[in-house]
PDB file of N, CA and C in Angstrom:
ATOM      1  N   UNK A   1     247.098  37.616 223.793  1.00  0.00           N
ATOM      2  CA  UNK A   1     247.979  37.603 222.973  1.00  0.00           C
ATOM      3  C   UNK A   1     249.997  37.569 223.742  1.00  0.00           C
ATOM      4  N   UNK A   2     250.782  36.834 223.553  1.00  0.00           N
ATOM      5  CA  UNK A   2     251.659  36.734 223.935  1.00  0.00           C
ATOM      6  C   UNK A   2     252.645  37.868 223.201  1.00  0.00           C
ATOM      7  N   UNK A   3     253.594  38.435 223.738  1.00  0.00           N
ATOM      8  CA  UNK A   3     254.507  39.526 223.111  1.00  0.00           C
ATOM      9  C   UNK A   3     255.911  39.169 223.656  1.00  0.00           C
ATOM     10  N   UNK A   4     256.714  39.111 223.126  1.00  0.00           N
ATOM     11  CA  UNK A   4     258.308  38.497 223.448  1.00  0.00           C
ATOM     12  C   UNK A   4     259.527  39.426 223.136  1.00  0.00           C
ATOM     13  N   UNK A   5     258.916  40.663 222.979  1.00  0.00           N
ATOM     14  CA  UNK A   5     259.909  41.915 223.177  1.00  0.00           C
ATOM     15  C   UNK A   5     260.024  42.396 224.659  1.00  0.00           C
ATOM     16  N   UNK A   6     261.129  42.061 224.815  1.00  0.00           N
ATOM     17  CA  UNK A   6     261.624  42.707 225.945  1.00  0.00           C
ATOM     18  C   UNK A   6     261.528  44.067 226.481  1.00  0.00           C
ATOM     19  N   UNK A   7     261.806  44.568 225.721  1.00  0.00           N
ATOM     20  CA  UNK A   7     261.601  46.333 225.871  1.00  0.00           C
ATOM     21  C   UNK A   7     260.038  46.503 226.182  1.00  0.00           C
ATOM     22  N   UNK A   8     259.141  46.013 225.671  1.00  0.00           N
ATOM     23  CA  UNK A   8     257.905  46.294 226.132  1.00  0.00           C
ATOM     24  C   UNK A   8     257.300  45.129 227.287  1.00  0.00           C
ATOM     25  N   UNK A   9     257.880  44.396 227.371  1.00  0.00           N
ATOM     26  CA  UNK A   9     257.459  43.991 228.517  1.00  0.00           C
ATOM     27  C   UNK A   9     258.266  44.662 230.028  1.00  0.00           C
ATOM     28  N   UNK A  10     259.597  45.170 229.696  1.00  0.00           N
ATOM     29  CA  UNK A  10     260.308  46.119 230.561  1.00  0.00           C
ATOM     30  C   UNK A  10     259.268  47.377 230.803  1.00  0.00           C
ATOM     31  N   UNK A  11     259.017  47.770 229.921  1.00  0.00           N
ATOM     32  CA  UNK A  11     258.274  49.363 229.858  1.00  0.00           C
ATOM     33  C   UNK A  11     256.741  49.215 230.754  1.00  0.00           C
ATOM     34  N   UNK A  12     256.113  48.047 230.501  1.00  0.00           N
ATOM     35  CA  UNK A  12     254.724  48.110 230.919  1.00  0.00           C
ATOM     36  C   UNK A  12     254.080  49.151 230.622  1.00  0.00           C
ATOM     37  N   UNK A  13     253.576  49.840 229.458  1.00  0.00           N
ATOM     38  CA  UNK A  13     253.411  50.818 229.036  1.00  0.00           C
ATOM     39  C   UNK A  13     251.612  50.841 229.453  1.00  0.00           C
ATOM     40  N   UNK A  14     251.150  52.176 229.216  1.00  0.00           N
ATOM     41  CA  UNK A  14     249.772  51.811 229.791  1.00  0.00           C
ATOM     42  C   UNK A  14     248.961  52.558 228.824  1.00  0.00           C
ATOM     43  N   UNK A  15     249.429  52.952 227.704  1.00  0.00           N
ATOM     44  CA  UNK A  15     248.494  53.965 226.692  1.00  0.00           C
ATOM     45  C   UNK A  15     248.555  53.249 225.525  1.00  0.00           C
ATOM     46  N   UNK A  16     247.671  53.535 224.655  1.00  0.00           N
ATOM     47  CA  UNK A  16     247.592  53.175 223.148  1.00  0.00           C
ATOM     48  C   UNK A  16     246.694  54.118 222.421  1.00  0.00           C
ATOM     49  N   UNK A  17     247.042  53.904 221.026  1.00  0.00           N
ATOM     50  CA  UNK A  17     246.087  54.895 220.404  1.00  0.00           C
ATOM     51  C   UNK A  17     246.369  54.534 218.816  1.00  0.00           C
ATOM     52  N   UNK A  18     244.965  53.917 218.345  1.00  0.00           N
ATOM     53  CA  UNK A  18     244.943  54.037 216.892  1.00  0.00           C
ATOM     54  C   UNK A  18     245.837  54.611 215.874  1.00  0.00           C
ATOM     55  N   UNK A  19     246.442  54.099 215.133  1.00  0.00           N
ATOM     56  CA  UNK A  19     247.138  54.765 213.846  1.00  0.00           C
ATOM     57  C   UNK A  19     246.499  54.806 212.823  1.00  0.00           C
ATOM     58  N   UNK A  20     245.697  53.693 212.387  1.00  0.00           N
ATOM     59  CA  UNK A  20     244.739  53.031 211.060  1.00  0.00           C
ATOM     60  C   UNK A  20     244.117  52.225 211.630  1.00  0.00           C
ATOM     61  N   UNK A  21     243.514  51.336 210.787  1.00  0.00           N
ATOM     62  CA  UNK A  21     242.338  50.447 211.256  1.00  0.00           C
ATOM     63  C   UNK A  21     243.386  49.084 211.196  1.00  0.00           C
ATOM     64  N   UNK A  22     244.695  48.913 211.126  1.00  0.00           N
ATOM     65  CA  UNK A  22     245.510  47.716 211.660  1.00  0.00           C
ATOM     66  C   UNK A  22     246.793  48.328 212.505  1.00  0.00           C
ATOM     67  N   UNK A  23     247.145  49.483 213.129  1.00  0.00           N
ATOM     68  CA  UNK A  23     248.211  49.411 213.229  1.00  0.00           C
ATOM     69  C   UNK A  23     248.043  50.705 214.706  1.00  0.00           C
ATOM     70  N   UNK A  24     248.601  50.614 216.015  1.00  0.00           N
ATOM     71  CA  UNK A  24     248.507  51.142 216.999  1.00  0.00           C
ATOM     72  C   UNK A  24     249.829  51.407 217.369  1.00  0.00           C
ATOM     73  N   UNK A  25     249.926  52.901 218.198  1.00  0.00           N
ATOM     74  CA  UNK A  25     251.194  52.884 218.660  1.00  0.00           C
ATOM     75  C   UNK A  25     250.996  52.691 220.464  1.00  0.00           C
ATOM     76  N   UNK A  26     252.318  51.834 221.307  1.00  0.00           N
ATOM     77  CA  UNK A  26     251.890  51.808 222.530  1.00  0.00           C
ATOM     78  C   UNK A  26     253.152  52.442 223.278  1.00  0.00           C
ATOM     79  N   UNK A  27     252.465  53.370 224.561  1.00  0.00           N
ATOM     80  CA  UNK A  27     253.214  54.240 225.261  1.00  0.00           C
ATOM     81  C   UNK A  27     253.184  53.985 226.811  1.00  0.00           C
ATOM     82  N   UNK A  28     254.203  54.985 227.316  1.00  0.00           N
ATOM     83  CA  UNK A  28     253.877  55.445 228.783  1.00  0.00           C
ATOM     84  C   UNK A  28     254.153  54.020 229.518  1.00  0.00           C
ATOM     85  N   UNK A  29     254.278  54.218 230.851  1.00  0.00           N
ATOM     86  CA  UNK A  29     254.739  53.020 231.537  1.00  0.00           C
ATOM     87  C   UNK A  29     256.446  53.104 232.405  1.00  0.00           C
ATOM     88  N   UNK A  30     257.231  52.496 232.673  1.00  0.00           N
ATOM     89  CA  UNK A  30     258.036  52.601 233.166  1.00  0.00           C
ATOM     90  C   UNK A  30     259.120  53.028 232.497  1.00  0.00           C
ATOM     91  N   UNK A  31     259.278  53.201 231.476  1.00  0.00           N
ATOM     92  CA  UNK A  31     260.229  53.557 230.398  1.00  0.00           C
ATOM     93  C   UNK A  31     259.567  54.433 229.630  1.00  0.00           C
ATOM     94  N   UNK A  32     260.386  55.026 228.703  1.00  0.00           N
ATOM     95  CA  UNK A  32     260.335  56.222 227.683  1.00  0.00           C
ATOM     96  C   UNK A  32     260.148  56.051 226.202  1.00  0.00           C
ATOM     97  N   UNK A  33     259.789  54.259 226.286  1.00  0.00           N
ATOM     98  CA  UNK A  33     260.198  54.161 224.859  1.00  0.00           C
ATOM     99  C   UNK A  33     258.645  54.005 224.593  1.00  0.00           C
ATOM    100  N   UNK A  34     258.383  53.983 222.874  1.00  0.00           N
ATOM    101  CA  UNK A  34     257.387  53.742 222.199  1.00  0.00           C
ATOM    102  C   UNK A  34     257.460  52.404 221.150  1.00  0.00           C
ATOM    103  N   UNK A  35     255.949  52.035 220.899  1.00  0.00           N
ATOM    104  CA  UNK A  35     255.717  50.365 220.308  1.00  0.00           C
ATOM    105  C   UNK A  35     254.764  50.556 219.072  1.00  0.00           C
ATOM    106  N   UNK A  36     254.925  49.946 218.237  1.00  0.00           N
ATOM    107  CA  UNK A  36     254.314  49.958 217.144  1.00  0.00           C
ATOM    108  C   UNK A  36     253.685  48.356 217.086  1.00  0.00           C
ATOM    109  N   UNK A  37     252.399  48.163 216.995  1.00  0.00           N
ATOM    110  CA  UNK A  37     251.437  47.380 216.840  1.00  0.00           C
ATOM    111  C   UNK A  37     250.602  47.106 215.544  1.00  0.00           C
ATOM    112  N   UNK A  38     251.017  46.190 214.954  1.00  0.00           N
ATOM    113  CA  UNK A  38     250.398  45.896 213.639  1.00  0.00           C
ATOM    114  C   UNK A  38     249.728  44.597 214.072  1.00  0.00           C
ATOM    115  N   UNK A  39     248.113  45.033 214.124  1.00  0.00           N
ATOM    116  CA  UNK A  39     247.540  43.579 213.950  1.00  0.00           C
ATOM    117  C   UNK A  39     247.363  43.041 213.279  1.00  0.00           C
ATOM    118  N   UNK A  40     248.010  42.886 211.911  1.00  0.00           N
ATOM    119  CA  UNK A  40     247.785  41.924 211.082  1.00  0.00           C
ATOM    120  C   UNK A  40     249.431  40.918 211.392  1.00  0.00           C
ATOM    121  N   UNK A  41     250.076  41.187 212.130  1.00  0.00           N
ATOM    122  CA  UNK A  41     251.611  40.437 212.545  1.00  0.00           C
ATOM    123  C   UNK A  41     251.000  39.703 213.947  1.00  0.00           C
ATOM    124  N   UNK A  42     250.112  38.854 213.839  1.00  0.00           N
ATOM    125  CA  UNK A  42     250.163  37.964 215.051  1.00  0.00           C
ATOM    126  C   UNK A  42     250.127  36.472 214.221  1.00  0.00           C
ATOM    127  N   UNK A  43     250.942  35.440 215.219  1.00  0.00           N
ATOM    128  CA  UNK A  43     250.701  34.299 214.627  1.00  0.00           C
ATOM    129  C   UNK A  43     250.102  33.699 215.263  1.00  0.00           C
ATOM    130  N   UNK A  44     249.620  32.771 214.458  1.00  0.00           N
ATOM    131  CA  UNK A  44     248.708  31.151 214.574  1.00  0.00           C
ATOM    132  C   UNK A  44     248.467  30.856 216.023  1.00  0.00           C
ATOM    133  N   UNK A  45     249.761  30.816 216.795  1.00  0.00           N
ATOM    134  CA  UNK A  45     249.793  30.751 218.343  1.00  0.00           C
ATOM    135  C   UNK A  45     249.380  32.018 219.020  1.00  0.00           C
ATOM    136  N   UNK A  46     248.954  32.687 218.437  1.00  0.00           N
ATOM    137  CA  UNK A  46     248.944  33.716 219.353  1.00  0.00           C
ATOM    138  C   UNK A  46     249.943  35.219 219.769  1.00  0.00           C
ATOM    139  N   UNK A  47     251.211  34.862 218.853  1.00  0.00           N
ATOM    140  CA  UNK A  47     252.366  35.475 219.483  1.00  0.00           C
ATOM    141  C   UNK A  47     252.297  37.062 218.131  1.00  0.00           C
ATOM    142  N   UNK A  48     252.515  38.289 219.263  1.00  0.00           N
ATOM    143  CA  UNK A  48     252.148  39.659 218.584  1.00  0.00           C
ATOM    144  C   UNK A  48     253.784  39.882 218.511  1.00  0.00           C
ATOM    145  N   UNK A  49     253.777  40.355 217.355  1.00  0.00           N
ATOM    146  CA  UNK A  49     254.793  41.212 217.146  1.00  0.00           C
ATOM    147  C   UNK A  49     254.874  42.401 217.393  1.00  0.00           C
ATOM    148  N   UNK A  50     255.309  43.275 218.497  1.00  0.00           N
ATOM    149  CA  UNK A  50     255.364  44.200 218.883  1.00  0.00           C
ATOM    150  C   UNK A  50     256.574  44.862 218.471  1.00  0.00           C
ATOM    151  N   UNK A  51     256.966  45.908 217.888  1.00  0.00           N
ATOM    152  CA  UNK A  51     258.094  46.479 217.169  1.00  0.00           C
ATOM    153  C   UNK A  51     258.392  47.968 218.178  1.00  0.00           C
ATOM    154  N   UNK A  52     259.896  47.703 218.486  1.00  0.00           N
ATOM    155  CA  UNK A  52     260.044  49.359 219.302  1.00  0.00           C
ATOM    156  C   UNK A  52     260.582  50.226 218.378  1.00  0.00           C
ATOM    157  N   UNK A  53     259.530  51.377 218.540  1.00  0.00           N
ATOM    158  CA  UNK A  53     259.465  52.422 217.607  1.00  0.00           C
ATOM    159  C   UNK A  53     261.085  53.375 218.028  1.00  0.00           C
ATOM    160  N   UNK A  54     261.591  53.933 217.072  1.00  0.00           N
ATOM    161  CA  UNK A  54     262.627  55.060 217.384  1.00  0.00           C
ATOM    162  C   UNK A  54     262.122  56.227 218.191  1.00  0.00           C
ATOM    163  N   UNK A  55     261.202  56.684 218.093  1.00  0.00           N
ATOM    164  CA  UNK A  55     260.424  57.628 219.031  1.00  0.00           C
ATOM    165  C   UNK A  55     260.641  57.473 220.860  1.00  0.00           C
ATOM    166  N   UNK A  56     261.056  58.327 221.154  1.00  0.00           N
ATOM    167  CA  UNK A  56     261.084  58.194 222.755  1.00  0.00           C
ATOM    168  C   UNK A  56     260.605  59.480 223.538  1.00  0.00           C
ATOM    169  N   UNK A  57     259.468  59.178 224.462  1.00  0.00           N
ATOM    170  CA  UNK A  57     258.715  60.383 225.395  1.00  0.00           C
ATOM    171  C   UNK A  57     259.844  61.093 225.897  1.00  0.00           C
ATOM    172  N   UNK A  58     259.662  62.444 226.006  1.00  0.00           N
ATOM    173  CA  UNK A  58     260.761  63.109 226.748  1.00  0.00           C
ATOM    174  C   UNK A  58     260.802  62.814 228.187  1.00  0.00           C
ATOM    175  N   UNK A  59     259.324  62.216 228.894  1.00  0.00           N
ATOM    176  CA  UNK A  59     259.614  62.189 230.359  1.00  0.00           C
ATOM    177  C   UNK A  59     258.762  60.993 230.476  1.00  0.00           C
ATOM    178  N   UNK A  60     258.956  60.052 231.539  1.00  0.00           N
ATOM    179  CA  UNK A  60     258.330  58.893 232.032  1.00  0.00           C
ATOM    180  C   UNK A  60     256.829  59.687 231.903  1.00  0.00           C
ATOM    181  N   UNK A  61     255.815  58.530 231.577  1.00  0.00           N
ATOM    182  CA  UNK A  61     254.590  58.816 231.939  1.00  0.00           C
ATOM    183  C   UNK A  61     253.708  57.918 232.391  1.00  0.00           C
ATOM    184  N   UNK A  62     253.096  58.201 233.151  1.00  0.00           N
ATOM    185  CA  UNK A  62     251.793  57.370 233.851  1.00  0.00           C
ATOM    186  C   UNK A  62     250.483  57.557 233.766  1.00  0.00           C
ATOM    187  N   UNK A  63     250.297  57.236 232.032  1.00  0.00           N
ATOM    188  CA  UNK A  63     248.946  57.334 231.743  1.00  0.00           C
ATOM    189  C   UNK A  63     248.260  56.015 232.076  1.00  0.00           C
ATOM    190  N   UNK A  64     246.799  56.846 232.668  1.00  0.00           N
ATOM    191  CA  UNK A  64     245.925  55.843 233.299  1.00  0.00           C
ATOM    192  C   UNK A  64     246.428  55.076 234.347  1.00  0.00           C
ATOM    193  N   UNK A  65     247.322  55.531 235.380  1.00  0.00           N
ATOM    194  CA  UNK A  65     247.841  55.145 236.178  1.00  0.00           C
ATOM    195  C   UNK A  65     247.107  55.000 237.786  1.00  0.00           C
ATOM    196  N   UNK A  66     246.552  56.679 237.935  1.00  0.00           N
ATOM    197  CA  UNK A  66     245.324  56.614 238.786  1.00  0.00           C
ATOM    198  C   UNK A  66     244.393  57.783 238.148  1.00  0.00           C
ATOM    199  N   UNK A  67     244.153  58.053 237.080  1.00  0.00           N
ATOM    200  CA  UNK A  67     243.373  58.783 236.455  1.00  0.00           C
ATOM    201  C   UNK A  67     243.372  58.341 234.983  1.00  0.00           C
ATOM    202  N   UNK A  68     242.452  58.373 234.102  1.00  0.00           N
ATOM    203  CA  UNK A  68     242.024  58.301 232.930  1.00  0.00           C
ATOM    204  C   UNK A  68     243.086  59.197 232.041  1.00  0.00           C
ATOM    205  N   UNK A  69     243.404  58.736 231.120  1.00  0.00           N
ATOM    206  CA  UNK A  69     244.325  59.748 229.698  1.00  0.00           C
ATOM    207  C   UNK A  69     243.317  60.471 229.121  1.00  0.00           C
ATOM    208  N   UNK A  70     243.988  61.298 227.860  1.00  0.00           N
ATOM    209  CA  UNK A  70     242.939  61.175 226.680  1.00  0.00           C
ATOM    210  C   UNK A  70     243.958  61.742 225.689  1.00  0.00           C
ATOM    211  N   UNK A  71     243.898  60.996 224.405  1.00  0.00           N
ATOM    212  CA  UNK A  71     244.579  61.056 223.453  1.00  0.00           C
ATOM    213  C   UNK A  71     243.757  61.324 222.402  1.00  0.00           C
ATOM    214  N   UNK A  72     244.029  62.120 221.269  1.00  0.00           N
ATOM    215  CA  UNK A  72     243.450  62.981 220.316  1.00  0.00           C
ATOM    216  C   UNK A  72     244.394  63.216 218.999  1.00  0.00           C
ATOM    217  N   UNK A  73     243.978  62.332 217.734  1.00  0.00           N
ATOM    218  CA  UNK A  73     244.739  62.759 216.499  1.00  0.00           C
ATOM    219  C   UNK A  73     244.378  63.266 215.594  1.00  0.00           C
ATOM    220  N   UNK A  74     244.810  64.579 215.439  1.00  0.00           N
ATOM    221  CA  UNK A  74     244.812  65.119 214.364  1.00  0.00           C
ATOM    222  C   UNK A  74     246.042  65.415 213.302  1.00  0.00           C
ATOM    223  N   UNK A  75     245.444  65.058 212.056  1.00  0.00           N
ATOM    224  CA  UNK A  75     246.512  64.701 210.872  1.00  0.00           C
ATOM    225  C   UNK A  75     247.460  63.318 211.386  1.00  0.00           C
ATOM    226  N   UNK A  76     248.746  63.837 211.571  1.00  0.00           N
ATOM    227  CA  UNK A  76     249.685  62.666 211.990  1.00  0.00           C
ATOM    228  C   UNK A  76     250.091  63.615 213.179  1.00  0.00           C
ATOM    229  N   UNK A  77     249.391  64.052 213.840  1.00  0.00           N
ATOM    230  CA  UNK A  77     250.024  64.337 215.211  1.00  0.00           C
ATOM    231  C   UNK A  77     248.763  64.189 216.195  1.00  0.00           C
ATOM    232  N   UNK A  78     249.314  63.345 217.683  1.00  0.00           N
ATOM    233  CA  UNK A  78     248.708  62.666 218.362  1.00  0.00           C
ATOM    234  C   UNK A  78     249.059  63.648 219.730  1.00  0.00           C
ATOM    235  N   UNK A  79     248.074  63.998 220.542  1.00  0.00           N
ATOM    236  CA  UNK A  79     248.039  64.676 221.637  1.00  0.00           C
ATOM    237  C   UNK A  79     247.700  63.849 222.784  1.00  0.00           C
ATOM    238  N   UNK A  80     248.431  63.937 223.397  1.00  0.00           N
ATOM    239  CA  UNK A  80     248.341  62.852 224.759  1.00  0.00           C
ATOM    240  C   UNK A  80     248.385  63.357 226.519  1.00  0.00           C
ATOM    241  N   UNK A  81     247.497  63.464 226.835  1.00  0.00           N
ATOM    242  CA  UNK A  81     247.255  64.155 228.654  1.00  0.00           C
ATOM    243  C   UNK A  81     247.577  63.177 229.221  1.00  0.00           C
ATOM    244  N   UNK A  82     248.572  63.531 230.048  1.00  0.00           N
ATOM    245  CA  UNK A  82     249.133  62.295 231.451  1.00  0.00           C
ATOM    246  C   UNK A  82     248.814  63.408 232.503  1.00  0.00           C
ATOM    247  N   UNK A  83     247.397  62.799 233.043  1.00  0.00           N
ATOM    248  CA  UNK A  83     246.700  63.757 234.493  1.00  0.00           C
ATOM    249  C   UNK A  83     247.280  63.441 235.499  1.00  0.00           C
ATOM    250  N   UNK A  84     248.050  62.503 235.599  1.00  0.00           N
ATOM    251  CA  UNK A  84     249.067  62.027 236.612  1.00  0.00           C
ATOM    252  C   UNK A  84     249.861  63.034 237.085  1.00  0.00           C
ATOM    253  N   UNK A  85     250.462  63.124 235.780  1.00  0.00           N
ATOM    254  CA  UNK A  85     251.819  64.335 235.828  1.00  0.00           C
ATOM    255  C   UNK A  85     251.597  65.828 235.405  1.00  0.00           C
ATOM    256  N   UNK A  86     250.572  65.778 234.878  1.00  0.00           N
ATOM    257  CA  UNK A  86     249.855  66.987 234.411  1.00  0.00           C
ATOM    258  C   UNK A  86     250.629  67.499 233.127  1.00  0.00           C
ATOM    259  N   UNK A  87     250.904  66.812 232.335  1.00  0.00           N
ATOM    260  CA  UNK A  87     252.051  67.070 231.246  1.00  0.00           C
ATOM    261  C   UNK A  87     250.951  66.755 229.725  1.00  0.00           C
ATOM    262  N   UNK A  88     251.311  67.427 228.803  1.00  0.00           N
ATOM    263  CA  UNK A  88     250.877  67.329 227.642  1.00  0.00           C
ATOM    264  C   UNK A  88     251.829  66.857 226.522  1.00  0.00           C
ATOM    265  N   UNK A  89     251.519  65.377 226.361  1.00  0.00           N
ATOM    266  CA  UNK A  89     252.664  65.361 225.328  1.00  0.00           C
ATOM    267  C   UNK A  89     252.393  64.976 223.805  1.00  0.00           C
ATOM    268  N   UNK A  90     252.793  65.353 222.494  1.00  0.00           N
ATOM    269  CA  UNK A  90     252.729  65.459 221.642  1.00  0.00           C
ATOM    270  C   UNK A  90     253.725  64.631 220.492  1.00  0.00           C
ATOM    271  N   UNK A  91     252.906  63.525 220.029  1.00  0.00           N
ATOM    272  CA  UNK A  91     253.414  62.782 218.723  1.00  0.00           C
ATOM    273  C   UNK A  91     253.509  62.734 217.661  1.00  0.00           C
ATOM    274  N   UNK A  92     254.815  63.230 216.721  1.00  0.00           N
ATOM    275  CA  UNK A  92     254.741  63.216 215.412  1.00  0.00           C
ATOM    276  C   UNK A  92     254.365  62.007 214.596  1.00  0.00           C
ATOM    277  N   UNK A  93     253.837  61.491 214.166  1.00  0.00           N
ATOM    278  CA  UNK A  93     253.801  60.040 213.241  1.00  0.00           C
ATOM    279  C   UNK A  93     254.657  59.971 212.271  1.00  0.00           C
ATOM    280  N   UNK A  94     254.631  60.784 211.611  1.00  0.00           N
ATOM    281  CA  UNK A  94     255.847  60.194 210.553  1.00  0.00           C
ATOM    282  C   UNK A  94     257.418  60.790 210.937  1.00  0.00           C
ATOM    283  N   UNK A  95     257.695  61.598 211.601  1.00  0.00           N
ATOM    284  CA  UNK A  95     258.771  61.425 212.404  1.00  0.00           C
ATOM    285  C   UNK A  95     259.455  60.607 213.406  1.00  0.00           C
ATOM    286  N   UNK A  96     258.001  60.267 214.262  1.00  0.00           N
ATOM    287  CA  UNK A  96     258.477  59.347 215.287  1.00  0.00           C
ATOM    288  C   UNK A  96     258.661  60.452 216.526  1.00  0.00           C
ATOM    289  N   UNK A  97     258.415  61.287 216.741  1.00  0.00           N
ATOM    290  CA  UNK A  97     259.107  62.321 217.562  1.00  0.00           C
ATOM    291  C   UNK A  97     258.012  62.689 218.512  1.00  0.00           C
ATOM    292  N   UNK A  98     258.660  62.612 219.880  1.00  0.00           N
ATOM    293  CA  UNK A  98     257.699  63.357 220.875  1.00  0.00           C
ATOM    294  C   UNK A  98     258.286  64.766 221.947  1.00  0.00           C
ATOM    295  N   UNK A  99     257.433  65.345 222.052  1.00  0.00           N
ATOM    296  CA  UNK A  99     257.475  67.079 222.832  1.00  0.00           C
ATOM    297  C   UNK A  99     256.634  66.741 223.871  1.00  0.00           C
ATOM    298  N   UNK A 100     257.212  66.671 225.178  1.00  0.00           N
ATOM    299  CA  UNK A 100     256.213  66.989 226.162  1.00  0.00           C
ATOM    300  C   UNK A 100     256.153  68.419 226.955  1.00  0.00           C
ATOM    301  N   UNK A 101     255.387  68.652 227.314  1.00  0.00           N
ATOM    302  CA  UNK A 101     255.114  69.977 227.921  1.00  0.00           C
ATOM    303  C   UNK A 101     254.255  70.047 228.868  1.00  0.00           C
ATOM    304  N   UNK A 102     254.598  70.749 230.275  1.00  0.00           N
ATOM    305  CA  UNK A 102     253.395  71.166 231.509  1.00  0.00           C
ATOM    306  C   UNK A 102     252.652  71.527 231.434  1.00  0.00           C
ATOM    307  N   UNK A 103     251.291  71.105 231.805  1.00  0.00           N
ATOM    308  CA  UNK A 103     249.986  71.915 231.375  1.00  0.00           C
ATOM    309  C   UNK A 103     250.119  73.290 232.223  1.00  0.00           C
ATOM    310  N   UNK A 104     250.928  73.337 233.001  1.00  0.00           N
ATOM    311  CA  UNK A 104     250.803  74.717 233.584  1.00  0.00           C
ATOM    312  C   UNK A 104     251.682  76.013 232.847  1.00  0.00           C
ATOM    313  N   UNK A 105     252.262  75.331 231.893  1.00  0.00           N
ATOM    314  CA  UNK A 105     252.710  76.645 230.953  1.00  0.00           C
ATOM    315  C   UNK A 105     251.372  77.200 229.956  1.00  0.00           C
ATOM    316  N   UNK A 106     250.482  76.137 229.962  1.00  0.00           N
ATOM    317  CA  UNK A 106     249.525  76.720 228.774  1.00  0.00           C
ATOM    318  C   UNK A 106     248.367  77.626 229.739  1.00  0.00           C
ATOM    319  N   UNK A 107     249.291  77.890 230.885  1.00  0.00           N
ATOM    320  CA  UNK A 107     248.089  78.865 231.819  1.00  0.00           C
ATOM    321  C   UNK A 107     247.215  78.281 232.371  1.00  0.00           C
ATOM    322  N   UNK A 108     246.934  77.214 232.464  1.00  0.00           N
ATOM    323  CA  UNK A 108     245.564  76.497 233.442  1.00  0.00           C
ATOM    324  C   UNK A 108     246.396  75.991 234.658  1.00  0.00           C
ATOM    325  N   UNK A 109     245.296  75.958 235.756  1.00  0.00           N
ATOM    326  CA  UNK A 109     245.787  75.752 236.818  1.00  0.00           C
ATOM    327  C   UNK A 109     245.010  74.273 237.488  1.00  0.00           C
TER     328      UNK A 109
END
């Protein structure tokens, strides 16, 4: 698919998680931007309309850069672990807000 969103191209996002059967959030990479992709919104020519979301990550994140990442959804909240930078990111879907915290603050070593 072709994506013409310059924010998306510049960001080079490395992680995604399904919101529902048709939508996903895409995040991480070279910027702190978050994107929404609706699979129903693809043209006959294979062009995907990926929308830049209002939610910004607190920190740049290198999800899946050198290691796997884990993302889990509980209700309207996503928890994404950036193993490379040792940060847990929380995304609240309804408010489109990110909160980040180093794993070390949870007492893990």
